[in-house]
Structures are given as structure tokens and as C-alpha cells.
């Protein structure tokens, strides 16, 4: 009788490849449908603003942000960054922190080790500690806008 316990390494590799292929197929279906596209027209109500923010996109889709305060403008900028560039931002965050292999596999370990030796994540934390109150408020407004933008997305990238 064959041993049906632990799968052999080739089976495990095929299972991983099949799982990845299913993930790619699902992403393509979402991207092909209109459900993956962020809302870029009309009104969206979000919490965290002191005043009104207007985001107009020109004929090329470039956002132009109008607000009464710098904090609200940066909130709006964070919002459109999440709408337009969330996948890129997540990739750059993973790259800077040496955490790409978490999603791409062992082939990225050497690059992750190099990035961790550079210490960009620690330098960013040092910059945050040295920031004054105004800088923290502005960066916080951008982060809150990004979080609101993520929540407004019909599907994650």
C-alpha cells in the first residue's frame, strides 16, 4: 500500500505553482472587470477631514487636489495614492524593509538580506523620531488619507 502521508517535494512544488496560478487567474478576473477600479467620479464621504477636499482628475487621469489646509491636502494626496498606487507602495515598502521574499519566495532572500543590511526601515524610524510636531501631523494626515483610500477600494490590487 502506498504511503499517503507527507507529499513528496515535486508534489509540493506543483501544488505551490497551481496555487500561484489560481491567484494570478483571480487577479486577472478582478482586474478585467470594473469592480477593481476605484471610484474617481462623484462624492465619497470619509472621516478625518477638517474641511472639504476636492479631487479633480484631468483628461489624462492626473489628480489635482484642492483643500483649505495642508493637512487636508495631504489627506487627499494619500487617498489618491491608495487609489492609484497601492500595489506599488506595498512593493516599495516590502523592498525597503527587506521583506519581498514573503510574497515572492526564496529567490528574493539575498536581495532582502542586502536591503536589511542597508537599514532603510531603521533610518525611516529615526527620521520619524526626529520629526517635529508639524511634520508628524502632515505625515499622519497622508497616512490617514491612504487608509481611507484603501477602505474605499472595491478590491485590493
N, C-alpha and C. Protein backbone atom coordinates (compact mmCIF):
# COMPACT_ATOMS: atom_id res chain seq x y z
N UNK A 1 0.85 -1.18 0.00
CA UNK A 1 0.00 0.00 0.00
C UNK A 1 0.89 1.25 0.00
N UNK A 2 0.63 2.26 -0.85
CA UNK A 2 1.48 3.46 -0.91
C UNK A 2 1.31 4.31 0.33
N UNK A 3 2.37 5.04 0.66
CA UNK A 3 2.35 5.97 1.79
C UNK A 3 1.69 7.26 1.32
N UNK A 4 0.56 7.62 1.92
CA UNK A 4 -0.17 8.83 1.53
C UNK A 4 0.05 9.96 2.53
N UNK A 5 1.08 9.86 3.36
CA UNK A 5 1.35 10.88 4.38
C UNK A 5 1.86 12.17 3.77
N UNK A 6 3.10 12.52 4.03
CA UNK A 6 3.70 13.77 3.59
C UNK A 6 3.91 13.76 2.08
N UNK A 7 3.48 14.80 1.37
CA UNK A 7 3.70 14.83 -0.08
C UNK A 7 5.18 14.95 -0.40
N UNK A 8 5.57 14.36 -1.51
CA UNK A 8 6.96 14.43 -1.94
C UNK A 8 7.26 15.86 -2.39
N UNK A 9 8.55 16.27 -2.39
CA UNK A 9 8.90 17.64 -2.81
C UNK A 9 8.38 18.03 -4.18
N UNK A 10 8.44 17.15 -5.21
CA UNK A 10 7.89 17.59 -6.50
C UNK A 10 6.40 17.90 -6.43
N UNK A 11 5.64 17.10 -5.66
CA UNK A 11 4.21 17.36 -5.50
C UNK A 11 3.99 18.70 -4.82
N UNK A 12 4.77 18.98 -3.78
CA UNK A 12 4.65 20.25 -3.06
C UNK A 12 4.91 21.42 -3.99
N UNK A 13 5.92 21.28 -4.84
CA UNK A 13 6.26 22.35 -5.78
C UNK A 13 5.12 22.55 -6.78
N UNK A 14 4.55 21.45 -7.27
CA UNK A 14 3.43 21.57 -8.22
C UNK A 14 2.22 22.20 -7.54
N UNK A 15 1.99 21.84 -6.29
CA UNK A 15 0.85 22.41 -5.56
C UNK A 15 1.04 23.92 -5.39
N UNK A 16 2.27 24.35 -5.05
CA UNK A 16 2.56 25.76 -4.91
C UNK A 16 2.35 26.49 -6.24
N UNK A 17 2.83 25.89 -7.33
CA UNK A 17 2.67 26.52 -8.64
C UNK A 17 1.19 26.62 -9.02
N UNK A 18 0.42 25.59 -8.70
CA UNK A 18 -1.02 25.63 -9.00
C UNK A 18 -1.71 26.71 -8.19
N UNK A 19 -1.32 26.84 -6.91
CA UNK A 19 -1.91 27.87 -6.06
C UNK A 19 -1.57 29.25 -6.58
N UNK A 20 -0.32 29.45 -7.00
CA UNK A 20 0.08 30.74 -7.55
C UNK A 20 -0.67 31.03 -8.84
N UNK A 21 -0.84 30.03 -9.68
CA UNK A 21 -1.56 30.22 -10.94
C UNK A 21 -3.01 30.60 -10.67
N UNK A 22 -3.63 29.98 -9.67
CA UNK A 22 -5.01 30.33 -9.32
C UNK A 22 -5.09 31.76 -8.82
N UNK A 23 -4.09 32.19 -8.05
CA UNK A 23 -4.07 33.57 -7.57
C UNK A 23 -3.93 34.57 -8.70
N UNK A 24 -3.07 34.25 -9.66
CA UNK A 24 -2.90 35.12 -10.82
C UNK A 24 -4.19 35.17 -11.63
N UNK A 25 -4.83 34.02 -11.82
CA UNK A 25 -6.08 33.99 -12.57
C UNK A 25 -7.15 34.83 -11.88
N UNK A 26 -7.24 34.72 -10.56
CA UNK A 26 -8.23 35.51 -9.81
C UNK A 26 -7.94 37.00 -9.97
N UNK A 27 -6.66 37.37 -9.89
CA UNK A 27 -6.29 38.78 -10.04
C UNK A 27 -6.65 39.30 -11.43
N UNK A 28 -6.46 38.48 -12.45
CA UNK A 28 -6.80 38.90 -13.82
C UNK A 28 -8.30 39.08 -14.00
N UNK A 29 -9.09 38.21 -13.38
CA UNK A 29 -10.54 38.34 -13.47
C UNK A 29 -10.99 39.63 -12.79
N UNK A 30 -10.43 39.91 -11.62
CA UNK A 30 -10.80 41.14 -10.91
C UNK A 30 -10.38 42.37 -11.71
N UNK A 31 -9.15 42.34 -12.25
CA UNK A 31 -8.64 43.48 -13.00
C UNK A 31 -9.42 43.71 -14.28
N UNK A 32 -9.88 42.64 -14.92
CA UNK A 32 -10.61 42.77 -16.17
C UNK A 32 -12.00 43.36 -15.95
N UNK A 33 -12.58 43.12 -14.80
CA UNK A 33 -13.90 43.65 -14.50
C UNK A 33 -13.82 45.06 -13.96
N UNK A 34 -14.93 45.73 -13.99
CA UNK A 34 -14.94 47.11 -13.50
C UNK A 34 -14.90 47.17 -11.98
N UNK A 35 -15.08 46.03 -11.30
CA UNK A 35 -15.10 46.04 -9.84
C UNK A 35 -13.75 46.35 -9.24
N UNK A 36 -12.68 46.26 -10.02
CA UNK A 36 -11.35 46.52 -9.47
C UNK A 36 -10.96 47.98 -9.54
N UNK A 37 -11.70 48.77 -10.28
CA UNK A 37 -11.31 50.16 -10.48
C UNK A 37 -11.87 51.05 -9.37
N UNK A 38 -11.04 51.96 -8.85
CA UNK A 38 -11.52 52.85 -7.79
C UNK A 38 -12.53 53.86 -8.33
N UNK A 39 -13.32 54.37 -7.43
CA UNK A 39 -14.27 55.42 -7.81
C UNK A 39 -13.50 56.72 -7.98
N UNK A 40 -13.58 57.29 -9.16
CA UNK A 40 -12.87 58.54 -9.44
C UNK A 40 -13.82 59.68 -9.81
N UNK A 41 -15.12 59.41 -9.80
CA UNK A 41 -16.11 60.44 -10.05
C UNK A 41 -17.16 60.39 -8.96
N UNK A 42 -17.80 61.51 -8.75
CA UNK A 42 -18.84 61.56 -7.73
C UNK A 42 -18.28 61.96 -6.38
N UNK A 43 -19.03 61.66 -5.34
CA UNK A 43 -18.64 62.03 -3.97
C UNK A 43 -18.37 60.79 -3.15
N UNK A 44 -17.37 60.91 -2.29
CA UNK A 44 -17.06 59.86 -1.33
C UNK A 44 -16.95 60.54 0.03
N UNK A 45 -17.68 60.07 1.01
CA UNK A 45 -17.61 60.63 2.36
C UNK A 45 -16.60 59.83 3.17
N UNK A 46 -15.66 60.55 3.79
CA UNK A 46 -14.66 59.91 4.65
C UNK A 46 -14.52 60.72 5.93
N UNK A 47 -14.15 60.05 6.98
CA UNK A 47 -13.88 60.72 8.26
C UNK A 47 -12.43 61.19 8.30
N UNK A 48 -12.17 62.21 9.09
CA UNK A 48 -10.80 62.64 9.32
C UNK A 48 -10.39 63.93 8.66
N UNK A 49 -11.31 64.61 8.01
CA UNK A 49 -11.00 65.88 7.36
C UNK A 49 -11.52 67.05 8.18
N UNK A 50 -10.77 68.14 8.19
CA UNK A 50 -11.22 69.36 8.88
C UNK A 50 -12.14 70.19 7.99
N UNK A 51 -11.98 70.07 6.69
CA UNK A 51 -12.77 70.85 5.74
C UNK A 51 -12.97 70.07 4.46
N UNK A 52 -13.61 70.69 3.48
CA UNK A 52 -13.84 69.98 2.21
C UNK A 52 -12.54 69.80 1.42
N UNK A 53 -12.47 68.70 0.73
CA UNK A 53 -11.36 68.41 -0.17
C UNK A 53 -11.95 68.04 -1.52
N UNK A 54 -11.45 68.65 -2.57
CA UNK A 54 -11.91 68.34 -3.91
C UNK A 54 -10.75 67.74 -4.69
N UNK A 55 -11.02 66.62 -5.31
CA UNK A 55 -10.02 65.97 -6.14
C UNK A 55 -10.59 65.91 -7.55
N UNK A 56 -9.94 66.61 -8.45
CA UNK A 56 -10.36 66.61 -9.86
C UNK A 56 -9.29 65.89 -10.66
N UNK A 57 -9.73 65.07 -11.56
CA UNK A 57 -8.79 64.39 -12.46
C UNK A 57 -8.91 65.01 -13.84
N UNK A 58 -7.77 65.32 -14.42
CA UNK A 58 -7.79 65.93 -15.75
C UNK A 58 -8.01 64.86 -16.82
N UNK A 59 -7.91 65.26 -18.08
CA UNK A 59 -8.17 64.34 -19.20
C UNK A 59 -7.24 63.14 -19.21
N UNK A 60 -6.07 63.25 -18.58
CA UNK A 60 -5.11 62.14 -18.52
C UNK A 60 -5.25 61.34 -17.23
N UNK A 61 -6.22 61.70 -16.38
CA UNK A 61 -6.42 60.98 -15.13
C UNK A 61 -5.53 61.46 -13.98
N UNK A 62 -4.80 62.55 -14.21
CA UNK A 62 -3.92 63.08 -13.17
C UNK A 62 -4.76 63.81 -12.12
N UNK A 63 -4.61 63.43 -10.84
CA UNK A 63 -5.42 64.08 -9.80
C UNK A 63 -4.87 65.46 -9.43
N UNK A 64 -5.79 66.41 -9.24
CA UNK A 64 -5.46 67.74 -8.75
C UNK A 64 -6.27 67.93 -7.47
N UNK A 65 -5.58 68.25 -6.37
CA UNK A 65 -6.21 68.25 -5.05
C UNK A 65 -6.36 69.69 -4.57
N UNK A 66 -7.57 70.03 -4.14
CA UNK A 66 -7.86 71.36 -3.63
C UNK A 66 -8.39 71.23 -2.20
N UNK A 67 -7.74 71.92 -1.27
CA UNK A 67 -8.15 71.86 0.14
C UNK A 67 -7.82 73.17 0.81
N UNK A 68 -8.44 73.41 1.95
CA UNK A 68 -8.23 74.66 2.68
C UNK A 68 -7.00 74.60 3.59
N UNK A 69 -6.51 73.41 3.89
CA UNK A 69 -5.34 73.30 4.77
C UNK A 69 -4.34 72.29 4.18
N UNK A 70 -3.10 72.44 4.62
CA UNK A 70 -2.07 71.50 4.17
C UNK A 70 -2.39 70.07 4.61
N UNK A 71 -2.91 69.93 5.83
CA UNK A 71 -3.24 68.59 6.33
C UNK A 71 -4.31 67.93 5.48
N UNK A 72 -5.36 68.68 5.14
CA UNK A 72 -6.42 68.12 4.32
C UNK A 72 -5.92 67.81 2.91
N UNK A 73 -5.03 68.66 2.37
CA UNK A 73 -4.46 68.40 1.05
C UNK A 73 -3.64 67.11 1.06
N UNK A 74 -2.85 66.91 2.13
CA UNK A 74 -2.06 65.68 2.21
C UNK A 74 -2.94 64.46 2.46
N UNK A 75 -4.05 64.64 3.18
CA UNK A 75 -5.02 63.56 3.32
C UNK A 75 -5.52 63.16 1.93
N UNK A 76 -5.89 64.15 1.12
CA UNK A 76 -6.36 63.88 -0.24
C UNK A 76 -5.29 63.21 -1.08
N UNK A 77 -4.04 63.65 -0.92
CA UNK A 77 -2.95 63.04 -1.67
C UNK A 77 -2.79 61.57 -1.26
N UNK A 78 -2.85 61.29 0.04
CA UNK A 78 -2.77 59.91 0.49
C UNK A 78 -3.92 59.07 -0.06
N UNK A 79 -5.10 59.68 -0.12
CA UNK A 79 -6.28 58.98 -0.65
C UNK A 79 -6.05 58.55 -2.09
N UNK A 80 -5.59 59.49 -2.94
CA UNK A 80 -5.38 59.14 -4.34
C UNK A 80 -4.17 58.22 -4.51
N UNK A 81 -3.17 58.33 -3.63
CA UNK A 81 -2.05 57.38 -3.69
C UNK A 81 -2.56 55.96 -3.47
N UNK A 82 -3.46 55.79 -2.50
CA UNK A 82 -4.02 54.45 -2.25
C UNK A 82 -4.84 53.98 -3.44
N UNK A 83 -5.62 54.89 -4.04
CA UNK A 83 -6.44 54.51 -5.19
C UNK A 83 -5.58 54.10 -6.39
N UNK A 84 -4.52 54.86 -6.63
CA UNK A 84 -3.77 54.70 -7.87
C UNK A 84 -2.51 53.84 -7.74
N UNK A 85 -1.91 53.79 -6.55
CA UNK A 85 -0.58 53.21 -6.45
C UNK A 85 -0.38 52.25 -5.27
N UNK A 86 -1.46 51.67 -4.77
CA UNK A 86 -1.33 50.83 -3.58
C UNK A 86 -0.40 49.64 -3.81
N UNK A 87 -0.52 49.00 -4.95
CA UNK A 87 0.34 47.85 -5.24
C UNK A 87 1.81 48.28 -5.26
N UNK A 88 2.10 49.40 -5.90
CA UNK A 88 3.47 49.91 -5.97
C UNK A 88 3.98 50.30 -4.59
N UNK A 89 3.15 50.96 -3.80
CA UNK A 89 3.55 51.38 -2.46
C UNK A 89 3.86 50.17 -1.58
N UNK A 90 3.00 49.16 -1.66
CA UNK A 90 3.24 47.95 -0.87
C UNK A 90 4.55 47.28 -1.31
N UNK A 91 4.80 47.23 -2.60
CA UNK A 91 6.04 46.64 -3.09
C UNK A 91 7.27 47.40 -2.63
N UNK A 92 7.21 48.73 -2.67
CA UNK A 92 8.34 49.54 -2.24
C UNK A 92 8.57 49.42 -0.73
N UNK A 93 7.48 49.32 0.04
CA UNK A 93 7.59 49.14 1.49
C UNK A 93 8.27 47.81 1.79
N UNK A 94 7.85 46.77 1.09
CA UNK A 94 8.47 45.45 1.28
C UNK A 94 9.94 45.47 0.86
N UNK A 95 10.24 46.13 -0.25
CA UNK A 95 11.62 46.21 -0.72
C UNK A 95 12.50 46.92 0.29
N UNK A 96 12.06 48.08 0.76
CA UNK A 96 12.87 48.86 1.70
C UNK A 96 13.07 48.12 3.02
N UNK A 97 12.09 47.33 3.43
CA UNK A 97 12.18 46.60 4.69
C UNK A 97 12.82 45.23 4.56
N UNK A 98 13.22 44.85 3.35
CA UNK A 98 13.81 43.53 3.15
C UNK A 98 12.81 42.41 3.38
N UNK A 99 11.59 42.58 2.85
CA UNK A 99 10.52 41.61 3.08
C UNK A 99 9.84 41.16 1.78
N UNK A 100 10.56 41.20 0.68
CA UNK A 100 9.99 40.79 -0.61
C UNK A 100 9.78 39.28 -0.67
N UNK A 101 10.71 38.52 -0.08
CA UNK A 101 10.63 37.06 -0.13
C UNK A 101 9.36 36.52 0.52
N UNK A 102 8.74 37.31 1.38
CA UNK A 102 7.48 36.87 1.99
C UNK A 102 6.41 36.60 0.95
N UNK A 103 6.46 37.30 -0.17
CA UNK A 103 5.44 37.13 -1.20
C UNK A 103 5.98 36.49 -2.48
N UNK A 104 7.30 36.57 -2.71
CA UNK A 104 7.85 36.04 -3.96
C UNK A 104 8.61 34.74 -3.78
N UNK A 105 8.98 34.41 -2.55
CA UNK A 105 9.68 33.16 -2.31
C UNK A 105 11.17 33.32 -2.08
N UNK A 106 11.81 32.18 -1.93
CA UNK A 106 13.22 32.13 -1.53
C UNK A 106 14.16 32.80 -2.52
N UNK A 107 13.75 32.94 -3.76
CA UNK A 107 14.61 33.57 -4.76
C UNK A 107 14.96 35.01 -4.42
N UNK A 108 14.20 35.63 -3.53
CA UNK A 108 14.43 37.03 -3.17
C UNK A 108 15.18 37.19 -1.85
N UNK A 109 15.57 36.09 -1.22
CA UNK A 109 16.19 36.18 0.10
C UNK A 109 17.49 36.98 0.10
N UNK A 110 18.32 36.78 -0.91
CA UNK A 110 19.60 37.50 -0.93
C UNK A 110 19.38 39.01 -1.06
N UNK A 111 18.45 39.40 -1.91
CA UNK A 111 18.13 40.83 -2.04
C UNK A 111 17.55 41.37 -0.73
N UNK A 112 16.70 40.59 -0.07
CA UNK A 112 16.15 41.01 1.22
C UNK A 112 17.25 41.19 2.25
N UNK A 113 18.18 40.27 2.28
CA UNK A 113 19.30 40.39 3.24
C UNK A 113 20.10 41.67 2.98
N UNK A 114 20.33 41.96 1.70
CA UNK A 114 21.06 43.18 1.34
C UNK A 114 20.30 44.42 1.81
N UNK A 115 19.01 44.45 1.55
CA UNK A 115 18.20 45.62 1.94
C UNK A 115 18.17 45.77 3.46
N UNK A 116 18.13 44.68 4.17
CA UNK A 116 18.15 44.77 5.64
C UNK A 116 19.50 45.29 6.13
N UNK A 117 20.58 44.90 5.45
CA UNK A 117 21.89 45.44 5.83
C UNK A 117 21.95 46.95 5.61
N UNK A 118 21.28 47.44 4.58
CA UNK A 118 21.24 48.88 4.34
C UNK A 118 20.51 49.61 5.47
N UNK A 119 19.53 48.96 6.07
CA UNK A 119 18.84 49.53 7.23
C UNK A 119 17.90 50.67 6.93
N UNK A 120 17.25 50.66 5.77
CA UNK A 120 16.35 51.77 5.42
C UNK A 120 15.18 51.89 6.38
N UNK A 121 14.64 50.76 6.83
CA UNK A 121 13.50 50.81 7.76
C UNK A 121 13.90 51.49 9.07
N UNK A 122 15.08 51.20 9.56
CA UNK A 122 15.57 51.84 10.78
C UNK A 122 15.81 53.32 10.58
N UNK A 123 16.31 53.68 9.42
CA UNK A 123 16.54 55.11 9.13
C UNK A 123 15.23 55.87 9.05
N UNK A 124 14.21 55.24 8.49
CA UNK A 124 12.89 55.88 8.44
C UNK A 124 12.34 56.08 9.85
N UNK A 125 12.54 55.09 10.71
CA UNK A 125 12.09 55.21 12.11
C UNK A 125 12.85 56.34 12.81
N UNK A 126 14.15 56.46 12.52
CA UNK A 126 14.94 57.56 13.09
C UNK A 126 14.42 58.91 12.61
N UNK A 127 14.10 59.00 11.33
CA UNK A 127 13.54 60.25 10.78
C UNK A 127 12.24 60.62 11.48
N UNK A 128 11.39 59.63 11.74
CA UNK A 128 10.12 59.87 12.43
C UNK A 128 10.37 60.39 13.84
N UNK A 129 11.33 59.81 14.53
CA UNK A 129 11.64 60.26 15.90
C UNK A 129 12.16 61.70 15.92
N UNK A 130 12.86 62.11 14.86
CA UNK A 130 13.42 63.46 14.80
C UNK A 130 12.43 64.48 14.24
N UNK A 131 11.31 64.02 13.71
CA UNK A 131 10.34 64.94 13.10
C UNK A 131 9.70 65.83 14.16
N UNK A 132 9.42 67.07 13.77
CA UNK A 132 8.73 67.97 14.70
C UNK A 132 7.21 67.72 14.62
N UNK A 133 6.46 68.42 15.46
CA UNK A 133 5.01 68.19 15.53
C UNK A 133 4.31 68.44 14.20
N UNK A 134 4.69 69.50 13.49
CA UNK A 134 4.04 69.81 12.21
C UNK A 134 4.31 68.70 11.19
N UNK A 135 5.56 68.27 11.11
CA UNK A 135 5.90 67.19 10.16
C UNK A 135 5.12 65.92 10.48
N UNK A 136 4.99 65.59 11.75
CA UNK A 136 4.23 64.40 12.14
C UNK A 136 2.75 64.54 11.80
N UNK A 137 2.20 65.74 12.00
CA UNK A 137 0.79 65.97 11.64
C UNK A 137 0.58 65.77 10.14
N UNK A 138 1.50 66.32 9.33
CA UNK A 138 1.35 66.22 7.88
C UNK A 138 1.53 64.78 7.40
N UNK A 139 2.54 64.10 7.92
CA UNK A 139 2.74 62.70 7.54
C UNK A 139 1.56 61.83 8.02
N UNK A 140 1.07 62.14 9.20
CA UNK A 140 -0.09 61.41 9.72
C UNK A 140 -1.33 61.63 8.88
N UNK A 141 -1.52 62.86 8.39
CA UNK A 141 -2.66 63.16 7.52
C UNK A 141 -2.56 62.34 6.23
N UNK A 142 -1.37 62.25 5.67
CA UNK A 142 -1.17 61.46 4.45
C UNK A 142 -1.49 59.99 4.73
N UNK A 143 -1.01 59.47 5.84
CA UNK A 143 -1.27 58.07 6.19
C UNK A 143 -2.76 57.81 6.41
N UNK A 144 -3.44 58.74 7.08
CA UNK A 144 -4.89 58.58 7.28
C UNK A 144 -5.63 58.62 5.95
N UNK A 145 -5.18 59.48 5.04
CA UNK A 145 -5.78 59.52 3.71
C UNK A 145 -5.57 58.22 2.96
N UNK A 146 -4.37 57.65 3.07
CA UNK A 146 -4.13 56.36 2.43
C UNK A 146 -5.04 55.29 3.00
N UNK A 147 -5.19 55.26 4.32
CA UNK A 147 -6.06 54.27 4.95
C UNK A 147 -7.50 54.44 4.48
N UNK A 148 -7.96 55.69 4.38
CA UNK A 148 -9.32 55.94 3.88
C UNK A 148 -9.43 55.52 2.42
N UNK A 149 -8.39 55.77 1.65
CA UNK A 149 -8.39 55.35 0.24
C UNK A 149 -8.45 53.84 0.10
N UNK A 150 -7.72 53.13 0.94
CA UNK A 150 -7.76 51.66 0.90
C UNK A 150 -9.17 51.17 1.21
N UNK A 151 -9.79 51.77 2.23
CA UNK A 151 -11.15 51.36 2.60
C UNK A 151 -12.17 51.64 1.50
N UNK A 152 -11.88 52.61 0.63
CA UNK A 152 -12.82 52.95 -0.43
C UNK A 152 -12.68 52.05 -1.65
N UNK A 153 -11.63 51.26 -1.71
CA UNK A 153 -11.39 50.42 -2.90
C UNK A 153 -12.36 49.25 -2.95
N UNK A 154 -12.88 48.96 -4.14
CA UNK A 154 -13.79 47.82 -4.26
C UNK A 154 -13.06 46.49 -4.16
N UNK A 155 -11.76 46.47 -4.50
CA UNK A 155 -10.95 45.26 -4.42
C UNK A 155 -9.50 45.69 -4.25
N UNK A 156 -8.73 44.92 -3.51
CA UNK A 156 -7.32 45.24 -3.35
C UNK A 156 -6.55 44.83 -4.60
N UNK A 157 -5.46 45.54 -4.90
CA UNK A 157 -4.69 45.19 -6.09
C UNK A 157 -3.99 43.85 -5.93
